Amino acid sequence: MAYGLLVYDMVERFLLHYFGMSAHTYTRGSWTTPEATHPDRDIGSTDYVAAGVHTAPTYLKWMHVFEEPDSRTVWLGKAVPREWLTPGAAPVVVRSSPTRYGRVGFTLRAAATAAGGYTVFANVSLPGSYVGARGPP
């Protein structure tokens, strides 16, 4: 579901799904996933689901580095919450994120403008495999 939301540029819905899932799907304080959760969070849950622990990290990767399935497009920061990009906030830093073309990295930093808005500055690191890449993905 989350992947499709990003493919179709539904970033706000993706973020709602990601943060809602992160807050309500995982066990409190451990980031593990039970098979089912009782509505009363103080009652223990059922068996642990190993595959579930990969969901939040995968969504986090897609939030920062997202690859279009049918083209050679790699989005950097496609679903980064705009609240993270305010002047004076800590920069958003991604290092060595894997893509099918090699590892990428970037830093996003916001600065206020004289007109009262803000500008986002990006510093991007790409591997040599990005130079002259042609053909289907």
N, C-alpha and C. Protein backbone atom coordinates (compact mmCIF):
# COMPACT_ATOMS: atom_id res chain seq x y z
N MET A 1 0.81 -1.18 0.00
CA MET A 1 0.00 0.00 0.00
C MET A 1 0.86 1.26 0.00
N ALA A 2 1.84 1.34 0.89
CA ALA A 2 2.68 2.53 1.00
C ALA A 2 3.45 2.78 -0.29
N TYR A 3 3.95 1.73 -0.90
CA TYR A 3 4.71 1.87 -2.15
C TYR A 3 3.83 2.50 -3.22
N GLY A 4 2.61 2.02 -3.37
CA GLY A 4 1.69 2.56 -4.35
C GLY A 4 1.36 4.01 -4.09
N LEU A 5 1.25 4.39 -2.83
CA LEU A 5 0.98 5.79 -2.51
C LEU A 5 2.10 6.69 -3.02
N LEU A 6 3.35 6.25 -2.87
CA LEU A 6 4.46 7.06 -3.37
C LEU A 6 4.56 7.03 -4.89
N VAL A 7 4.28 5.90 -5.51
CA VAL A 7 4.31 5.82 -6.96
C VAL A 7 3.34 6.84 -7.56
N TYR A 8 2.18 7.01 -6.91
CA TYR A 8 1.17 7.93 -7.42
C TYR A 8 1.21 9.30 -6.73
N ASP A 9 2.36 9.64 -6.15
CA ASP A 9 2.61 10.96 -5.56
C ASP A 9 1.63 11.34 -4.45
N MET A 10 1.16 10.38 -3.70
CA MET A 10 0.27 10.66 -2.57
C MET A 10 1.10 10.71 -1.29
N VAL A 11 1.97 11.71 -1.22
CA VAL A 11 2.95 11.80 -0.14
C VAL A 11 2.29 11.98 1.22
N GLU A 12 1.29 12.85 1.32
CA GLU A 12 0.65 13.07 2.62
C GLU A 12 -0.01 11.79 3.13
N ARG A 13 -0.64 11.04 2.25
CA ARG A 13 -1.26 9.77 2.66
C ARG A 13 -0.18 8.75 3.05
N PHE A 14 0.93 8.74 2.33
CA PHE A 14 2.04 7.86 2.69
C PHE A 14 2.53 8.18 4.11
N LEU A 15 2.75 9.46 4.39
CA LEU A 15 3.24 9.85 5.71
C LEU A 15 2.24 9.50 6.81
N LEU A 16 0.95 9.69 6.56
CA LEU A 16 -0.07 9.31 7.53
C LEU A 16 -0.01 7.82 7.80
N HIS A 17 0.09 7.04 6.73
CA HIS A 17 0.18 5.58 6.88
C HIS A 17 1.46 5.19 7.64
N TYR A 18 2.59 5.77 7.27
CA TYR A 18 3.87 5.44 7.91
C TYR A 18 3.86 5.75 9.41
N PHE A 19 3.47 6.98 9.76
CA PHE A 19 3.51 7.35 11.17
C PHE A 19 2.42 6.63 11.97
N GLY A 20 1.25 6.42 11.37
CA GLY A 20 0.20 5.66 12.05
C GLY A 20 0.62 4.22 12.29
N MET A 21 1.19 3.61 11.26
CA MET A 21 1.67 2.23 11.39
C MET A 21 2.80 2.14 12.43
N SER A 22 3.69 3.10 12.42
CA SER A 22 4.80 3.09 13.37
C SER A 22 4.30 3.22 14.80
N ALA A 23 3.25 4.04 15.00
CA ALA A 23 2.74 4.28 16.35
C ALA A 23 1.85 3.15 16.86
N HIS A 24 1.14 2.47 15.97
CA HIS A 24 0.13 1.53 16.43
C HIS A 24 0.37 0.07 16.08
N THR A 25 1.32 -0.23 15.24
CA THR A 25 1.55 -1.62 14.84
C THR A 25 2.62 -2.28 15.68
N TYR A 26 3.59 -1.53 16.13
CA TYR A 26 4.73 -2.10 16.84
C TYR A 26 4.50 -2.14 18.34
N THR A 27 5.18 -3.07 19.01
CA THR A 27 5.08 -3.13 20.46
C THR A 27 5.79 -1.93 21.07
N ARG A 28 5.28 -1.48 22.18
CA ARG A 28 5.77 -0.26 22.80
C ARG A 28 7.23 -0.40 23.22
N GLY A 29 8.07 0.49 22.70
CA GLY A 29 9.47 0.57 23.14
C GLY A 29 10.42 -0.43 22.51
N SER A 30 9.94 -1.41 21.74
CA SER A 30 10.86 -2.42 21.23
C SER A 30 10.92 -2.47 19.70
N TRP A 31 9.97 -1.88 19.01
CA TRP A 31 9.91 -1.90 17.55
C TRP A 31 9.87 -3.31 16.98
N THR A 32 9.25 -4.23 17.70
CA THR A 32 8.97 -5.55 17.16
C THR A 32 7.48 -5.61 16.85
N THR A 33 7.07 -6.55 16.02
CA THR A 33 5.68 -6.61 15.60
C THR A 33 5.03 -7.90 16.07
N PRO A 34 3.93 -7.79 16.80
CA PRO A 34 3.18 -8.99 17.16
C PRO A 34 2.28 -9.41 16.01
N GLU A 35 1.85 -10.67 16.04
CA GLU A 35 0.92 -11.16 15.02
C GLU A 35 -0.39 -10.39 15.10
N ALA A 36 -0.83 -10.10 16.29
CA ALA A 36 -2.06 -9.33 16.51
C ALA A 36 -1.87 -8.51 17.79
N THR A 37 -2.62 -7.44 17.91
CA THR A 37 -2.50 -6.58 19.07
C THR A 37 -3.87 -6.43 19.72
N HIS A 38 -3.91 -6.56 21.04
CA HIS A 38 -5.13 -6.35 21.79
C HIS A 38 -5.42 -4.86 21.85
N PRO A 39 -6.70 -4.44 21.78
CA PRO A 39 -7.00 -3.00 21.86
C PRO A 39 -6.48 -2.34 23.13
N ASP A 40 -6.41 -3.10 24.21
CA ASP A 40 -5.83 -2.59 25.46
C ASP A 40 -4.33 -2.85 25.39
N ARG A 41 -3.54 -1.81 25.14
CA ARG A 41 -2.10 -1.96 24.91
C ARG A 41 -1.35 -2.49 26.13
N ASP A 42 -1.99 -2.54 27.28
CA ASP A 42 -1.32 -3.08 28.47
C ASP A 42 -1.46 -4.59 28.58
N ILE A 43 -2.24 -5.20 27.70
CA ILE A 43 -2.38 -6.66 27.67
C ILE A 43 -1.41 -7.20 26.63
N GLY A 44 -0.72 -8.26 26.98
CA GLY A 44 0.28 -8.83 26.09
C GLY A 44 -0.29 -9.23 24.74
N SER A 45 0.57 -9.24 23.74
CA SER A 45 0.15 -9.59 22.38
C SER A 45 0.50 -11.04 22.08
N THR A 46 0.13 -11.46 20.89
CA THR A 46 0.41 -12.84 20.48
C THR A 46 1.80 -12.94 19.87
N ASP A 47 2.04 -14.02 19.15
CA ASP A 47 3.37 -14.32 18.62
C ASP A 47 3.99 -13.18 17.81
N TYR A 48 5.30 -13.19 17.81
CA TYR A 48 6.13 -12.23 17.09
C TYR A 48 6.15 -12.56 15.61
N VAL A 49 6.11 -11.53 14.75
CA VAL A 49 6.16 -11.72 13.30
C VAL A 49 7.48 -11.14 12.79
N ALA A 50 8.40 -12.00 12.38
CA ALA A 50 9.73 -11.56 11.98
C ALA A 50 9.69 -10.62 10.77
N ALA A 51 8.82 -10.89 9.81
CA ALA A 51 8.79 -10.05 8.60
C ALA A 51 8.36 -8.62 8.90
N GLY A 52 7.58 -8.42 9.93
CA GLY A 52 7.07 -7.10 10.25
C GLY A 52 8.12 -6.09 10.67
N VAL A 53 9.25 -6.56 11.20
CA VAL A 53 10.26 -5.61 11.66
C VAL A 53 10.93 -4.88 10.51
N HIS A 54 10.72 -5.32 9.29
CA HIS A 54 11.33 -4.67 8.14
C HIS A 54 10.45 -3.57 7.54
N THR A 55 9.20 -3.49 7.96
CA THR A 55 8.28 -2.53 7.36
C THR A 55 8.69 -1.09 7.62
N ALA A 56 8.85 -0.70 8.88
CA ALA A 56 9.18 0.70 9.20
C ALA A 56 10.52 1.13 8.59
N PRO A 57 11.59 0.32 8.67
CA PRO A 57 12.84 0.74 8.02
C PRO A 57 12.71 0.86 6.50
N THR A 58 11.93 -0.01 5.88
CA THR A 58 11.73 0.07 4.43
C THR A 58 10.98 1.35 4.07
N TYR A 59 9.94 1.67 4.82
CA TYR A 59 9.19 2.91 4.58
C TYR A 59 10.10 4.12 4.79
N LEU A 60 10.94 4.06 5.81
CA LEU A 60 11.86 5.18 6.07
C LEU A 60 12.82 5.37 4.90
N LYS A 61 13.30 4.27 4.34
CA LYS A 61 14.18 4.36 3.16
C LYS A 61 13.43 4.98 1.99
N TRP A 62 12.20 4.52 1.75
CA TRP A 62 11.40 5.09 0.66
C TRP A 62 11.11 6.56 0.88
N MET A 63 10.94 6.97 2.13
CA MET A 63 10.69 8.37 2.44
C MET A 63 11.85 9.23 1.96
N HIS A 64 13.06 8.72 2.11
CA HIS A 64 14.26 9.48 1.76
C HIS A 64 14.76 9.22 0.35
N VAL A 65 14.78 7.96 -0.07
CA VAL A 65 15.28 7.58 -1.40
C VAL A 65 14.28 6.61 -2.02
N PHE A 66 13.62 7.07 -3.07
CA PHE A 66 12.56 6.27 -3.70
C PHE A 66 12.86 6.10 -5.18
N GLU A 67 12.80 4.86 -5.66
CA GLU A 67 13.07 4.55 -7.06
C GLU A 67 11.77 4.26 -7.80
N GLU A 68 11.56 4.96 -8.91
CA GLU A 68 10.38 4.69 -9.74
C GLU A 68 10.51 3.29 -10.32
N PRO A 69 9.42 2.52 -10.35
CA PRO A 69 9.52 1.14 -10.82
C PRO A 69 9.68 1.01 -12.34
N ASP A 70 9.20 1.98 -13.12
CA ASP A 70 9.18 1.84 -14.57
C ASP A 70 10.11 2.80 -15.30
N SER A 71 10.96 3.49 -14.57
CA SER A 71 11.90 4.41 -15.22
C SER A 71 13.19 4.42 -14.42
N ARG A 72 14.13 5.18 -14.88
CA ARG A 72 15.42 5.29 -14.19
C ARG A 72 15.43 6.48 -13.24
N THR A 73 14.28 6.82 -12.69
CA THR A 73 14.14 7.96 -11.80
C THR A 73 14.38 7.54 -10.35
N VAL A 74 15.24 8.27 -9.68
CA VAL A 74 15.47 8.09 -8.25
C VAL A 74 15.14 9.42 -7.58
N TRP A 75 14.16 9.40 -6.70
CA TRP A 75 13.74 10.59 -5.96
C TRP A 75 14.54 10.68 -4.67
N LEU A 76 15.10 11.83 -4.40
CA LEU A 76 15.79 12.08 -3.13
C LEU A 76 14.91 13.00 -2.29
N GLY A 77 14.50 12.53 -1.12
CA GLY A 77 13.68 13.34 -0.23
C GLY A 77 12.23 13.47 -0.67
N LYS A 78 11.74 12.55 -1.48
CA LYS A 78 10.38 12.65 -2.02
C LYS A 78 9.33 12.79 -0.93
N ALA A 79 9.46 12.05 0.15
CA ALA A 79 8.43 12.06 1.19
C ALA A 79 8.96 12.57 2.53
N VAL A 80 10.05 13.30 2.51
CA VAL A 80 10.55 13.90 3.76
C VAL A 80 9.49 14.89 4.26
N PRO A 81 9.03 14.74 5.51
CA PRO A 81 8.03 15.69 6.02
C PRO A 81 8.54 17.12 5.93
N ARG A 82 7.71 18.00 5.41
CA ARG A 82 8.12 19.39 5.22
C ARG A 82 8.44 20.07 6.54
N GLU A 83 7.87 19.58 7.63
CA GLU A 83 8.19 20.13 8.95
C GLU A 83 9.67 19.91 9.31
N TRP A 84 10.29 18.91 8.70
CA TRP A 84 11.71 18.65 8.95
C TRP A 84 12.59 19.64 8.20
N LEU A 85 12.00 20.37 7.25
CA LEU A 85 12.77 21.29 6.41
C LEU A 85 12.41 22.74 6.74
N THR A 86 12.60 23.11 7.98
CA THR A 86 12.33 24.49 8.39
C THR A 86 13.66 25.17 8.71
N PRO A 87 13.75 26.47 8.48
CA PRO A 87 14.99 27.19 8.78
C PRO A 87 15.40 27.00 10.24
N GLY A 88 16.65 26.70 10.46
CA GLY A 88 17.17 26.50 11.80
C GLY A 88 17.08 25.06 12.30
N ALA A 89 16.31 24.21 11.61
CA ALA A 89 16.21 22.81 12.01
C ALA A 89 17.48 22.06 11.62
N ALA A 90 17.72 20.95 12.28
CA ALA A 90 18.87 20.11 11.93
C ALA A 90 18.71 19.65 10.48
N PRO A 91 19.80 19.54 9.75
CA PRO A 91 19.68 19.08 8.36
C PRO A 91 19.24 17.62 8.29
N VAL A 92 18.60 17.27 7.19
CA VAL A 92 18.25 15.88 6.90
C VAL A 92 19.45 15.29 6.19
N VAL A 93 20.03 14.23 6.76
CA VAL A 93 21.25 13.64 6.21
C VAL A 93 21.01 12.16 5.92
N VAL A 94 21.31 11.75 4.70
CA VAL A 94 21.23 10.35 4.28
C VAL A 94 22.60 9.98 3.74
N ARG A 95 23.15 8.88 4.24
CA ARG A 95 24.47 8.43 3.79
C ARG A 95 24.39 7.01 3.24
N SER A 96 24.96 6.81 2.10
CA SER A 96 25.17 5.48 1.53
C SER A 96 23.89 4.66 1.43
N SER A 97 22.82 5.28 0.96
CA SER A 97 21.56 4.56 0.80
C SER A 97 21.61 3.74 -0.49
N PRO A 98 21.27 2.45 -0.42
CA PRO A 98 21.37 1.60 -1.62
C PRO A 98 20.28 1.90 -2.64
N THR A 99 20.67 1.92 -3.91
CA THR A 99 19.74 1.98 -5.03
C THR A 99 20.21 0.93 -6.03
N ARG A 100 19.43 0.69 -7.06
CA ARG A 100 19.86 -0.30 -8.06
C ARG A 100 21.01 0.21 -8.91
N TYR A 101 21.38 1.48 -8.76
CA TYR A 101 22.48 2.07 -9.53
C TYR A 101 23.71 2.34 -8.68
N GLY A 102 23.66 2.01 -7.43
CA GLY A 102 24.75 2.30 -6.51
C GLY A 102 24.24 3.08 -5.31
N ARG A 103 25.12 3.32 -4.38
CA ARG A 103 24.74 4.02 -3.14
C ARG A 103 24.77 5.53 -3.33
N VAL A 104 23.75 6.19 -2.77
CA VAL A 104 23.64 7.64 -2.86
C VAL A 104 23.58 8.24 -1.46
N GLY A 105 23.90 9.51 -1.38
CA GLY A 105 23.80 10.23 -0.13
C GLY A 105 23.41 11.67 -0.41
N PHE A 106 22.82 12.31 0.58
CA PHE A 106 22.48 13.72 0.41
C PHE A 106 22.25 14.38 1.76
N THR A 107 22.34 15.69 1.75
CA THR A 107 22.03 16.51 2.91
C THR A 107 21.07 17.60 2.45
N LEU A 108 19.98 17.80 3.18
CA LEU A 108 19.03 18.86 2.91
C LEU A 108 19.04 19.82 4.09
N ARG A 109 19.18 21.11 3.79
CA ARG A 109 19.21 22.13 4.84
C ARG A 109 18.38 23.30 4.38
N ALA A 110 17.53 23.82 5.27
CA ALA A 110 16.67 24.96 4.92
C ALA A 110 17.24 26.24 5.50
N ALA A 111 17.05 27.32 4.78
CA ALA A 111 17.48 28.65 5.23
C ALA A 111 16.38 29.65 4.89
N ALA A 112 16.17 30.61 5.78
CA ALA A 112 15.15 31.64 5.56
C ALA A 112 15.59 32.58 4.45
N THR A 113 14.61 33.11 3.73
CA THR A 113 14.88 34.10 2.69
C THR A 113 14.43 35.47 3.19
N ALA A 114 14.88 36.52 2.51
CA ALA A 114 14.52 37.89 2.89
C ALA A 114 13.02 38.13 2.72
N ALA A 115 12.39 37.40 1.82
CA ALA A 115 10.96 37.60 1.55
C ALA A 115 10.07 36.89 2.57
N GLY A 116 10.67 36.23 3.57
CA GLY A 116 9.88 35.55 4.59
C GLY A 116 9.64 34.08 4.32
N GLY A 117 10.07 33.59 3.19
CA GLY A 117 9.93 32.17 2.87
C GLY A 117 11.19 31.43 3.28
N TYR A 118 11.44 30.33 2.63
CA TYR A 118 12.69 29.61 2.86
C TYR A 118 13.12 28.88 1.61
N THR A 119 14.41 28.59 1.58
CA THR A 119 15.02 27.86 0.48
C THR A 119 15.65 26.60 1.06
N VAL A 120 15.55 25.50 0.33
CA VAL A 120 16.18 24.26 0.75
C VAL A 120 17.42 24.04 -0.12
N PHE A 121 18.56 23.86 0.54
CA PHE A 121 19.81 23.58 -0.15
C PHE A 121 20.10 22.09 -0.05
N ALA A 122 20.59 21.52 -1.15
CA ALA A 122 20.90 20.10 -1.18
C ALA A 122 22.34 19.88 -1.60
N ASN A 123 22.98 18.94 -0.94
CA ASN A 123 24.31 18.48 -1.32
C ASN A 123 24.16 16.98 -1.59
N VAL A 124 24.39 16.55 -2.82
CA VAL A 124 24.12 15.18 -3.23
C VAL A 124 25.41 14.47 -3.61
N SER A 125 25.56 13.22 -3.17
CA SER A 125 26.70 12.37 -3.53
C SER A 125 26.19 11.19 -4.35
N LEU A 126 26.69 11.07 -5.56
CA LEU A 126 26.28 9.98 -6.45
C LEU A 126 27.49 9.13 -6.82
N PRO A 127 27.28 7.83 -7.02
CA PRO A 127 28.38 6.97 -7.46
C PRO A 127 28.66 7.18 -8.95
N GLY A 128 29.82 6.74 -9.40
CA GLY A 128 30.19 6.84 -10.80
C GLY A 128 29.23 6.14 -11.73
N SER A 129 28.50 5.14 -11.24
CA SER A 129 27.56 4.39 -12.09
C SER A 129 26.39 5.26 -12.55
N TYR A 130 26.17 6.42 -11.94
CA TYR A 130 25.11 7.32 -12.38
C TYR A 130 25.50 8.08 -13.64
N VAL A 131 26.77 8.21 -13.91
CA VAL A 131 27.24 8.99 -15.06
C VAL A 131 26.97 8.16 -16.32
N GLY A 132 26.24 8.75 -17.24
CA GLY A 132 26.00 8.10 -18.52
C GLY A 132 25.09 6.88 -18.46
N ALA A 133 24.33 6.72 -17.38
CA ALA A 133 23.43 5.57 -17.29
C ALA A 133 22.33 5.69 -18.36
N ARG A 134 22.17 4.63 -19.13
CA ARG A 134 21.18 4.64 -20.22
C ARG A 134 20.43 3.30 -20.23
N GLY A 135 19.34 3.32 -20.95
CA GLY A 135 18.59 2.08 -21.13
C GLY A 135 17.56 1.85 -20.05
N PRO A 136 16.84 0.74 -20.15
CA PRO A 136 15.80 0.43 -19.18
C PRO A 136 16.41 0.12 -17.82
N PRO A 137 15.59 0.27 -16.78
CA PRO A 137 16.10 0.01 -15.43
C PRO A 137 16.54 -1.42 -15.23
